[in-house]
Amino acid sequence: MSEQNKKGAALLESTLLVPLLVLLLVGGMEFGKITLTYYTLHKAVRGAARMAGLLRGGDFCNAEDTQLAAIRNFVVYGPEGAASAPLVRDFTPDQIVFTPERLDPLNPGITDCGCAGADGCSPAEGGRAPDFIRVSIDSGYPFQPRIPFRTLDTILLRPNVRVPFGGQ
């Protein structure tokens, strides 16, 4: 094979492989962004669960509870409060859901304890405190991967943490 043919073959191989390598590089970077975003959200939800697990006098059945709202704002915005940008882009306090749970004596496992009646977890209804608090992003945090020349479906990240409830 002549020297000119070798150069032409190398150029052709490079032309075919460079787009593939760029696609792999961009895909790896996007996978890293997804992983970082999920880890950050999971860490935020874990912090909210830890604070809610020690909460005294909070009503997990009341969506307007000021203590739970303060926990949500702290987790989303950090110590600076709502005046600063959220720790994760487009993350809002409304996405964080607190669910009181209880050990079920009849069936093995943990179930949601409702808010109504004496069997519920609402102190306003005369219920007793929950055994566990589950904090999650039930609706999911939408993450849109960005790959050049390709539109991918949105991925919903749903971190979820359960902690024992120690407050009263």
N, C-alpha and C. Protein backbone atom coordinates (compact mmCIF):
# COMPACT_ATOMS: atom_id res chain seq x y z
N MET A 1 0.85 -1.17 0.00
CA MET A 1 0.00 0.00 0.00
C MET A 1 0.89 1.23 0.00
N SER A 2 0.54 2.18 -0.82
CA SER A 2 1.38 3.37 -0.93
C SER A 2 1.17 4.28 0.28
N GLU A 3 2.13 5.18 0.47
CA GLU A 3 2.09 6.12 1.60
C GLU A 3 0.85 7.01 1.55
N GLN A 4 0.44 7.41 0.35
CA GLN A 4 -0.73 8.27 0.20
C GLN A 4 -2.01 7.50 0.55
N ASN A 5 -2.07 6.24 0.19
CA ASN A 5 -3.25 5.42 0.54
C ASN A 5 -3.34 5.22 2.04
N LYS A 6 -2.19 5.06 2.71
CA LYS A 6 -2.19 4.90 4.17
C LYS A 6 -2.72 6.17 4.84
N LYS A 7 -2.31 7.33 4.34
CA LYS A 7 -2.80 8.59 4.91
C LYS A 7 -4.30 8.75 4.68
N GLY A 8 -4.76 8.34 3.52
CA GLY A 8 -6.19 8.43 3.22
C GLY A 8 -7.00 7.48 4.09
N ALA A 9 -6.47 6.27 4.33
CA ALA A 9 -7.17 5.31 5.20
C ALA A 9 -7.24 5.83 6.63
N ALA A 10 -6.15 6.42 7.12
CA ALA A 10 -6.12 6.98 8.48
C ALA A 10 -7.12 8.13 8.61
N LEU A 11 -7.19 8.98 7.58
CA LEU A 11 -8.14 10.08 7.60
C LEU A 11 -9.58 9.58 7.62
N LEU A 12 -9.86 8.57 6.84
CA LEU A 12 -11.20 7.99 6.79
C LEU A 12 -11.57 7.35 8.13
N GLU A 13 -10.64 6.60 8.71
CA GLU A 13 -10.90 5.98 10.01
C GLU A 13 -11.13 7.03 11.08
N SER A 14 -10.34 8.09 11.07
CA SER A 14 -10.51 9.17 12.04
C SER A 14 -11.86 9.85 11.86
N THR A 15 -12.25 10.07 10.61
CA THR A 15 -13.52 10.72 10.32
C THR A 15 -14.70 9.88 10.83
N LEU A 16 -14.56 8.58 10.78
CA LEU A 16 -15.63 7.70 11.25
C LEU A 16 -15.63 7.54 12.76
N LEU A 17 -14.46 7.57 13.39
CA LEU A 17 -14.38 7.31 14.83
C LEU A 17 -14.56 8.55 15.70
N VAL A 18 -14.16 9.72 15.24
CA VAL A 18 -14.24 10.93 16.07
C VAL A 18 -15.68 11.22 16.52
N PRO A 19 -16.69 11.17 15.64
CA PRO A 19 -18.05 11.42 16.13
C PRO A 19 -18.50 10.41 17.19
N LEU A 20 -18.09 9.17 17.02
CA LEU A 20 -18.45 8.15 18.01
C LEU A 20 -17.79 8.44 19.35
N LEU A 21 -16.53 8.82 19.31
CA LEU A 21 -15.82 9.15 20.56
C LEU A 21 -16.41 10.38 21.24
N VAL A 22 -16.79 11.38 20.44
CA VAL A 22 -17.42 12.57 21.01
C VAL A 22 -18.76 12.22 21.64
N LEU A 23 -19.54 11.36 20.98
CA LEU A 23 -20.82 10.93 21.53
C LEU A 23 -20.63 10.17 22.84
N LEU A 24 -19.63 9.30 22.91
CA LEU A 24 -19.34 8.59 24.16
C LEU A 24 -18.90 9.55 25.26
N LEU A 25 -18.10 10.53 24.92
CA LEU A 25 -17.65 11.51 25.90
C LEU A 25 -18.82 12.34 26.44
N VAL A 26 -19.66 12.83 25.54
CA VAL A 26 -20.83 13.63 25.97
C VAL A 26 -21.79 12.77 26.77
N GLY A 27 -22.00 11.53 26.35
CA GLY A 27 -22.88 10.62 27.09
C GLY A 27 -22.36 10.35 28.49
N GLY A 28 -21.06 10.17 28.62
CA GLY A 28 -20.46 9.98 29.94
C GLY A 28 -20.63 11.19 30.82
N MET A 29 -20.49 12.38 30.23
CA MET A 29 -20.67 13.61 31.01
C MET A 29 -22.13 13.74 31.47
N GLU A 30 -23.07 13.41 30.60
CA GLU A 30 -24.49 13.49 30.98
C GLU A 30 -24.81 12.48 32.07
N PHE A 31 -24.25 11.28 31.98
CA PHE A 31 -24.46 10.29 33.04
C PHE A 31 -23.92 10.82 34.36
N GLY A 32 -22.78 11.48 34.32
CA GLY A 32 -22.23 12.10 35.53
C GLY A 32 -23.14 13.18 36.09
N LYS A 33 -23.74 13.99 35.21
CA LYS A 33 -24.67 15.03 35.67
C LYS A 33 -25.90 14.43 36.32
N ILE A 34 -26.42 13.35 35.73
CA ILE A 34 -27.59 12.68 36.31
C ILE A 34 -27.24 12.14 37.69
N THR A 35 -26.08 11.50 37.79
CA THR A 35 -25.65 10.94 39.07
C THR A 35 -25.45 12.03 40.11
N LEU A 36 -24.82 13.12 39.75
CA LEU A 36 -24.60 14.23 40.68
C LEU A 36 -25.93 14.84 41.13
N THR A 37 -26.85 15.04 40.19
CA THR A 37 -28.15 15.62 40.54
C THR A 37 -28.91 14.69 41.48
N TYR A 38 -28.92 13.38 41.18
CA TYR A 38 -29.63 12.44 42.05
C TYR A 38 -29.00 12.43 43.45
N TYR A 39 -27.67 12.41 43.51
CA TYR A 39 -26.99 12.40 44.80
C TYR A 39 -27.32 13.67 45.60
N THR A 40 -27.33 14.81 44.94
CA THR A 40 -27.63 16.07 45.62
C THR A 40 -29.07 16.07 46.14
N LEU A 41 -30.02 15.59 45.31
CA LEU A 41 -31.41 15.51 45.75
C LEU A 41 -31.57 14.52 46.90
N HIS A 42 -30.90 13.38 46.80
CA HIS A 42 -31.00 12.38 47.86
C HIS A 42 -30.43 12.92 49.17
N LYS A 43 -29.34 13.65 49.09
CA LYS A 43 -28.75 14.26 50.28
C LYS A 43 -29.69 15.30 50.88
N ALA A 44 -30.36 16.07 50.03
CA ALA A 44 -31.32 17.06 50.52
C ALA A 44 -32.51 16.37 51.19
N VAL A 45 -33.02 15.32 50.57
CA VAL A 45 -34.16 14.59 51.15
C VAL A 45 -33.75 13.92 52.46
N ARG A 46 -32.53 13.38 52.52
CA ARG A 46 -32.03 12.76 53.75
C ARG A 46 -31.93 13.81 54.86
N GLY A 47 -31.48 15.02 54.53
CA GLY A 47 -31.42 16.09 55.53
C GLY A 47 -32.80 16.48 56.02
N ALA A 48 -33.76 16.56 55.10
CA ALA A 48 -35.14 16.87 55.50
C ALA A 48 -35.70 15.78 56.40
N ALA A 49 -35.40 14.52 56.07
CA ALA A 49 -35.90 13.40 56.88
C ALA A 49 -35.29 13.44 58.28
N ARG A 50 -34.00 13.75 58.36
CA ARG A 50 -33.35 13.81 59.66
C ARG A 50 -33.97 14.92 60.52
N MET A 51 -34.23 16.08 59.91
CA MET A 51 -34.84 17.18 60.67
C MET A 51 -36.28 16.84 61.06
N ALA A 52 -37.03 16.22 60.14
CA ALA A 52 -38.42 15.88 60.42
C ALA A 52 -38.52 14.77 61.47
N GLY A 53 -37.55 13.87 61.50
CA GLY A 53 -37.55 12.80 62.48
C GLY A 53 -37.38 13.30 63.91
N LEU A 54 -36.81 14.48 64.08
CA LEU A 54 -36.60 15.06 65.40
C LEU A 54 -37.58 16.18 65.72
N LEU A 55 -38.51 16.41 64.82
CA LEU A 55 -39.45 17.52 64.94
C LEU A 55 -40.39 17.33 66.14
N ARG A 56 -40.57 18.39 66.89
CA ARG A 56 -41.50 18.36 68.02
C ARG A 56 -42.68 19.27 67.70
N GLY A 57 -43.87 18.74 67.84
CA GLY A 57 -45.07 19.54 67.65
C GLY A 57 -45.46 19.76 66.20
N GLY A 58 -44.85 19.09 65.29
CA GLY A 58 -45.21 19.24 63.89
C GLY A 58 -46.41 18.37 63.53
N ASP A 59 -47.17 18.83 62.58
CA ASP A 59 -48.35 18.08 62.11
C ASP A 59 -48.10 17.68 60.65
N PHE A 60 -47.76 16.41 60.45
CA PHE A 60 -47.45 15.93 59.11
C PHE A 60 -48.69 15.83 58.23
N CYS A 61 -49.85 15.92 58.82
CA CYS A 61 -51.10 15.86 58.05
C CYS A 61 -51.56 17.24 57.60
N ASN A 62 -50.92 18.28 58.09
CA ASN A 62 -51.28 19.65 57.74
C ASN A 62 -50.28 20.17 56.71
N ALA A 63 -50.74 20.39 55.50
CA ALA A 63 -49.86 20.87 54.43
C ALA A 63 -49.33 22.27 54.70
N GLU A 64 -50.00 23.02 55.57
CA GLU A 64 -49.60 24.40 55.87
C GLU A 64 -48.76 24.51 57.14
N ASP A 65 -48.30 23.40 57.70
CA ASP A 65 -47.52 23.43 58.94
C ASP A 65 -46.26 24.27 58.74
N THR A 66 -46.05 25.25 59.61
CA THR A 66 -44.93 26.18 59.43
C THR A 66 -43.58 25.52 59.67
N GLN A 67 -43.52 24.54 60.58
CA GLN A 67 -42.25 23.86 60.82
C GLN A 67 -41.83 23.03 59.60
N LEU A 68 -42.78 22.35 58.99
CA LEU A 68 -42.46 21.56 57.79
C LEU A 68 -42.09 22.48 56.62
N ALA A 69 -42.76 23.62 56.53
CA ALA A 69 -42.42 24.59 55.48
C ALA A 69 -41.00 25.12 55.68
N ALA A 70 -40.62 25.35 56.94
CA ALA A 70 -39.26 25.82 57.22
C ALA A 70 -38.22 24.76 56.84
N ILE A 71 -38.52 23.48 57.10
CA ILE A 71 -37.62 22.39 56.72
C ILE A 71 -37.49 22.34 55.20
N ARG A 72 -38.62 22.42 54.50
CA ARG A 72 -38.58 22.39 53.02
C ARG A 72 -37.72 23.52 52.47
N ASN A 73 -37.94 24.74 52.98
CA ASN A 73 -37.17 25.90 52.50
C ASN A 73 -35.69 25.76 52.80
N PHE A 74 -35.35 25.25 53.99
CA PHE A 74 -33.94 25.08 54.35
C PHE A 74 -33.27 24.07 53.42
N VAL A 75 -33.98 22.97 53.13
CA VAL A 75 -33.41 21.92 52.28
C VAL A 75 -33.24 22.40 50.84
N VAL A 76 -34.17 23.18 50.33
CA VAL A 76 -34.10 23.61 48.93
C VAL A 76 -33.13 24.78 48.76
N TYR A 77 -33.16 25.76 49.66
CA TYR A 77 -32.38 26.97 49.48
C TYR A 77 -31.13 27.05 50.34
N GLY A 78 -30.99 26.21 51.32
CA GLY A 78 -29.84 26.28 52.21
C GLY A 78 -30.08 27.29 53.32
N PRO A 79 -29.04 27.57 54.10
CA PRO A 79 -29.21 28.47 55.25
C PRO A 79 -29.55 29.91 54.88
N GLU A 80 -29.28 30.32 53.62
CA GLU A 80 -29.57 31.69 53.22
C GLU A 80 -31.06 31.94 53.04
N GLY A 81 -31.84 30.89 52.85
CA GLY A 81 -33.28 31.04 52.69
C GLY A 81 -33.70 31.29 51.25
N ALA A 82 -34.98 31.61 51.09
CA ALA A 82 -35.58 31.75 49.76
C ALA A 82 -35.00 32.92 48.96
N ALA A 83 -34.21 33.78 49.60
CA ALA A 83 -33.61 34.89 48.86
C ALA A 83 -32.50 34.40 47.93
N SER A 84 -32.00 33.20 48.17
CA SER A 84 -30.93 32.66 47.32
C SER A 84 -31.50 31.70 46.27
N ALA A 85 -30.66 31.27 45.37
CA ALA A 85 -31.08 30.32 44.34
C ALA A 85 -31.18 28.92 44.94
N PRO A 86 -32.05 28.06 44.41
CA PRO A 86 -32.13 26.70 44.93
C PRO A 86 -30.82 25.95 44.69
N LEU A 87 -30.54 24.96 45.56
CA LEU A 87 -29.30 24.20 45.45
C LEU A 87 -29.26 23.38 44.16
N VAL A 88 -30.43 22.96 43.66
CA VAL A 88 -30.55 22.25 42.39
C VAL A 88 -31.51 23.07 41.53
N ARG A 89 -31.13 23.30 40.27
CA ARG A 89 -31.93 24.14 39.37
C ARG A 89 -33.36 23.61 39.27
N ASP A 90 -34.33 24.50 39.35
CA ASP A 90 -35.76 24.20 39.23
C ASP A 90 -36.31 23.30 40.34
N PHE A 91 -35.61 23.20 41.45
CA PHE A 91 -36.08 22.41 42.59
C PHE A 91 -36.86 23.35 43.50
N THR A 92 -38.08 22.98 43.87
CA THR A 92 -38.94 23.84 44.68
C THR A 92 -39.34 23.13 45.97
N PRO A 93 -39.66 23.88 47.02
CA PRO A 93 -40.08 23.25 48.27
C PRO A 93 -41.36 22.41 48.12
N ASP A 94 -42.21 22.75 47.16
CA ASP A 94 -43.46 22.00 46.99
C ASP A 94 -43.23 20.57 46.54
N GLN A 95 -42.07 20.25 46.01
CA GLN A 95 -41.79 18.90 45.53
C GLN A 95 -41.49 17.93 46.67
N ILE A 96 -41.15 18.44 47.85
CA ILE A 96 -40.81 17.57 48.98
C ILE A 96 -42.09 17.14 49.69
N VAL A 97 -42.25 15.82 49.88
CA VAL A 97 -43.45 15.26 50.49
C VAL A 97 -43.05 14.52 51.77
N PHE A 98 -43.73 14.85 52.87
CA PHE A 98 -43.55 14.15 54.14
C PHE A 98 -44.72 13.18 54.32
N THR A 99 -44.41 11.91 54.58
CA THR A 99 -45.45 10.91 54.77
C THR A 99 -45.24 10.22 56.13
N PRO A 100 -46.19 10.39 57.07
CA PRO A 100 -46.05 9.67 58.34
C PRO A 100 -46.40 8.19 58.13
N GLU A 101 -45.64 7.31 58.78
CA GLU A 101 -45.86 5.87 58.63
C GLU A 101 -45.83 5.20 60.00
N ARG A 102 -46.41 4.03 60.03
CA ARG A 102 -46.51 3.28 61.29
C ARG A 102 -46.30 1.81 61.03
N LEU A 103 -45.74 1.13 62.02
CA LEU A 103 -45.65 -0.33 61.96
C LEU A 103 -47.06 -0.89 62.08
N ASP A 104 -47.40 -1.82 61.22
CA ASP A 104 -48.73 -2.43 61.24
C ASP A 104 -48.67 -3.71 62.08
N PRO A 105 -49.37 -3.76 63.23
CA PRO A 105 -49.29 -4.95 64.08
C PRO A 105 -49.97 -6.18 63.46
N LEU A 106 -50.92 -5.98 62.55
CA LEU A 106 -51.62 -7.11 61.95
C LEU A 106 -50.87 -7.69 60.76
N ASN A 107 -50.29 -6.86 59.98
CA ASN A 107 -49.53 -7.30 58.81
C ASN A 107 -48.08 -6.88 58.97
N PRO A 108 -47.15 -7.75 58.64
CA PRO A 108 -45.76 -7.33 58.77
C PRO A 108 -45.44 -6.23 57.75
N GLY A 109 -44.78 -5.23 58.23
CA GLY A 109 -44.39 -4.15 57.33
C GLY A 109 -44.79 -2.79 57.86
N ILE A 110 -44.49 -1.80 57.07
CA ILE A 110 -44.76 -0.41 57.42
C ILE A 110 -45.79 0.13 56.45
N THR A 111 -46.79 0.82 56.99
CA THR A 111 -47.84 1.38 56.15
C THR A 111 -48.01 2.87 56.47
N ASP A 112 -48.60 3.58 55.54
CA ASP A 112 -48.93 4.98 55.78
C ASP A 112 -49.97 5.04 56.89
N CYS A 113 -49.77 5.94 57.84
CA CYS A 113 -50.83 6.12 58.83
C CYS A 113 -51.64 7.33 58.38
N GLY A 114 -52.90 7.11 58.22
CA GLY A 114 -53.77 8.17 57.72
C GLY A 114 -53.84 9.34 58.68
N CYS A 115 -54.55 10.33 58.27
CA CYS A 115 -54.64 11.54 59.07
C CYS A 115 -55.95 11.62 59.85
N ALA A 116 -56.91 10.78 59.54
CA ALA A 116 -58.23 10.90 60.16
C ALA A 116 -58.36 9.98 61.38
N GLY A 117 -59.04 10.49 62.39
CA GLY A 117 -59.41 9.68 63.54
C GLY A 117 -58.28 9.44 64.52
N ALA A 118 -58.62 8.68 65.56
CA ALA A 118 -57.66 8.40 66.63
C ALA A 118 -56.58 7.43 66.16
N ASP A 119 -56.84 6.67 65.11
CA ASP A 119 -55.83 5.74 64.58
C ASP A 119 -54.84 6.45 63.66
N GLY A 120 -55.11 7.68 63.31
CA GLY A 120 -54.25 8.42 62.40
C GLY A 120 -53.07 9.05 63.11
N CYS A 121 -52.33 9.84 62.37
CA CYS A 121 -51.12 10.49 62.90
C CYS A 121 -51.29 11.98 63.11
N SER A 122 -52.51 12.48 62.99
CA SER A 122 -52.73 13.91 63.15
C SER A 122 -53.00 14.25 64.61
N PRO A 123 -52.16 15.10 65.22
CA PRO A 123 -52.44 15.49 66.60
C PRO A 123 -53.74 16.28 66.72
N ALA A 124 -54.15 16.97 65.68
CA ALA A 124 -55.40 17.73 65.71
C ALA A 124 -56.60 16.80 65.80
N GLU A 125 -56.47 15.58 65.28
CA GLU A 125 -57.56 14.59 65.30
C GLU A 125 -57.44 13.66 66.51
N GLY A 126 -56.46 13.87 67.36
CA GLY A 126 -56.28 13.02 68.54
C GLY A 126 -55.48 11.76 68.26
N GLY A 127 -54.80 11.72 67.15
CA GLY A 127 -53.99 10.55 66.80
C GLY A 127 -52.65 10.56 67.52
N ARG A 128 -52.01 9.40 67.51
CA ARG A 128 -50.69 9.32 68.14
C ARG A 128 -49.60 9.57 67.10
N ALA A 129 -48.39 9.78 67.58
CA ALA A 129 -47.26 10.10 66.70
C ALA A 129 -46.93 8.92 65.79
N PRO A 130 -46.41 9.20 64.62
CA PRO A 130 -46.02 8.11 63.71
C PRO A 130 -44.77 7.39 64.22
N ASP A 131 -44.53 6.20 63.69
CA ASP A 131 -43.31 5.46 64.02
C ASP A 131 -42.16 5.87 63.11
N PHE A 132 -42.49 6.21 61.87
CA PHE A 132 -41.49 6.58 60.87
C PHE A 132 -41.97 7.78 60.08
N ILE A 133 -41.01 8.48 59.49
CA ILE A 133 -41.31 9.55 58.55
C ILE A 133 -40.59 9.20 57.25
N ARG A 134 -41.36 9.21 56.15
CA ARG A 134 -40.76 9.00 54.83
C ARG A 134 -40.80 10.33 54.11
N VAL A 135 -39.66 10.74 53.61
CA VAL A 135 -39.55 12.00 52.88
C VAL A 135 -39.12 11.63 51.46
N SER A 136 -39.83 12.19 50.49
CA SER A 136 -39.55 11.83 49.10
C SER A 136 -39.90 12.98 48.17
N ILE A 137 -39.54 12.79 46.92
CA ILE A 137 -39.99 13.66 45.85
C ILE A 137 -40.89 12.77 45.00
N ASP A 138 -42.16 12.66 45.41
CA ASP A 138 -43.09 11.70 44.80
C ASP A 138 -43.33 11.97 43.32
N SER A 139 -43.49 13.22 42.96
CA SER A 139 -43.77 13.54 41.56
C SER A 139 -42.51 13.40 40.69
N GLY A 140 -41.36 13.33 41.32
CA GLY A 140 -40.11 13.18 40.59
C GLY A 140 -39.54 14.52 40.17
N TYR A 141 -38.23 14.61 40.22
CA TYR A 141 -37.53 15.80 39.73
C TYR A 141 -37.18 15.55 38.27
N PRO A 142 -37.69 16.36 37.36
CA PRO A 142 -37.42 16.10 35.93
C PRO A 142 -36.00 16.50 35.53
N PHE A 143 -35.31 15.56 34.92
CA PHE A 143 -33.96 15.82 34.41
C PHE A 143 -33.96 15.53 32.92
N GLN A 144 -33.58 16.52 32.12
CA GLN A 144 -33.55 16.37 30.67
C GLN A 144 -32.11 16.20 30.21
N PRO A 145 -31.70 14.99 29.84
CA PRO A 145 -30.33 14.82 29.32
C PRO A 145 -30.16 15.58 28.00
N ARG A 146 -28.99 16.15 27.80
CA ARG A 146 -28.72 16.94 26.59
C ARG A 146 -27.59 16.27 25.81
N ILE A 147 -27.97 15.63 24.72
CA ILE A 147 -27.02 15.01 23.81
C ILE A 147 -27.15 15.76 22.48
N PRO A 148 -26.05 16.22 21.89
CA PRO A 148 -26.16 16.97 20.62
C PRO A 148 -26.85 16.15 19.53
N PHE A 149 -27.74 16.80 18.82
CA PHE A 149 -28.46 16.22 17.67
C PHE A 149 -29.37 15.07 18.07
N ARG A 150 -29.72 14.98 19.35
CA ARG A 150 -30.55 13.86 19.81
C ARG A 150 -31.43 14.36 20.95
N THR A 151 -32.73 14.12 20.86
CA THR A 151 -33.65 14.48 21.93
C THR A 151 -33.98 13.22 22.72
N LEU A 152 -33.69 13.25 24.00
CA LEU A 152 -33.95 12.11 24.86
C LEU A 152 -35.13 12.41 25.78
N ASP A 153 -35.79 11.36 26.24
CA ASP A 153 -36.91 11.53 27.16
C ASP A 153 -36.42 12.08 28.50
N THR A 154 -37.31 12.81 29.17
CA THR A 154 -37.01 13.33 30.49
C THR A 154 -36.97 12.18 31.48
N ILE A 155 -35.99 12.21 32.37
CA ILE A 155 -35.85 11.21 33.42
C ILE A 155 -36.37 11.82 34.71
N LEU A 156 -37.24 11.09 35.42
CA LEU A 156 -37.75 11.56 36.70
C LEU A 156 -36.94 10.92 37.83
N LEU A 157 -36.26 11.77 38.60
CA LEU A 157 -35.46 11.30 39.72
C LEU A 157 -36.33 11.34 40.97
N ARG A 158 -36.45 10.20 41.67
CA ARG A 158 -37.34 10.10 42.83
C ARG A 158 -36.60 9.59 44.07
N PRO A 159 -35.78 10.43 44.71
CA PRO A 159 -35.13 9.98 45.94
C PRO A 159 -36.18 9.80 47.05
N ASN A 160 -35.88 8.90 47.98
CA ASN A 160 -36.85 8.50 48.99
C ASN A 160 -36.07 8.05 50.22
N VAL A 161 -36.38 8.61 51.40
CA VAL A 161 -35.69 8.26 52.63
C VAL A 161 -36.71 8.05 53.75
N ARG A 162 -36.51 6.98 54.55
CA ARG A 162 -37.37 6.71 55.71
C ARG A 162 -36.50 6.74 56.96
N VAL A 163 -36.96 7.48 57.98
CA VAL A 163 -36.23 7.54 59.25
C VAL A 163 -37.22 7.29 60.39
N PRO A 164 -36.72 6.75 61.52
CA PRO A 164 -37.59 6.61 62.69
C PRO A 164 -37.97 7.98 63.22
N PHE A 165 -39.19 8.09 63.71
CA PHE A 165 -39.65 9.37 64.26
C PHE A 165 -39.37 9.38 65.75
N GLY A 166 -38.61 10.39 66.19
CA GLY A 166 -38.26 10.48 67.61
C GLY A 166 -38.84 11.69 68.28
N GLY A 167 -39.47 12.60 67.52
CA GLY A 167 -40.08 13.78 68.13
C GLY A 167 -41.45 13.45 68.70
N GLN A 168 -42.08 14.40 69.30
CA GLN A 168 -43.43 14.18 69.85
C GLN A 168 -44.30 15.38 69.58
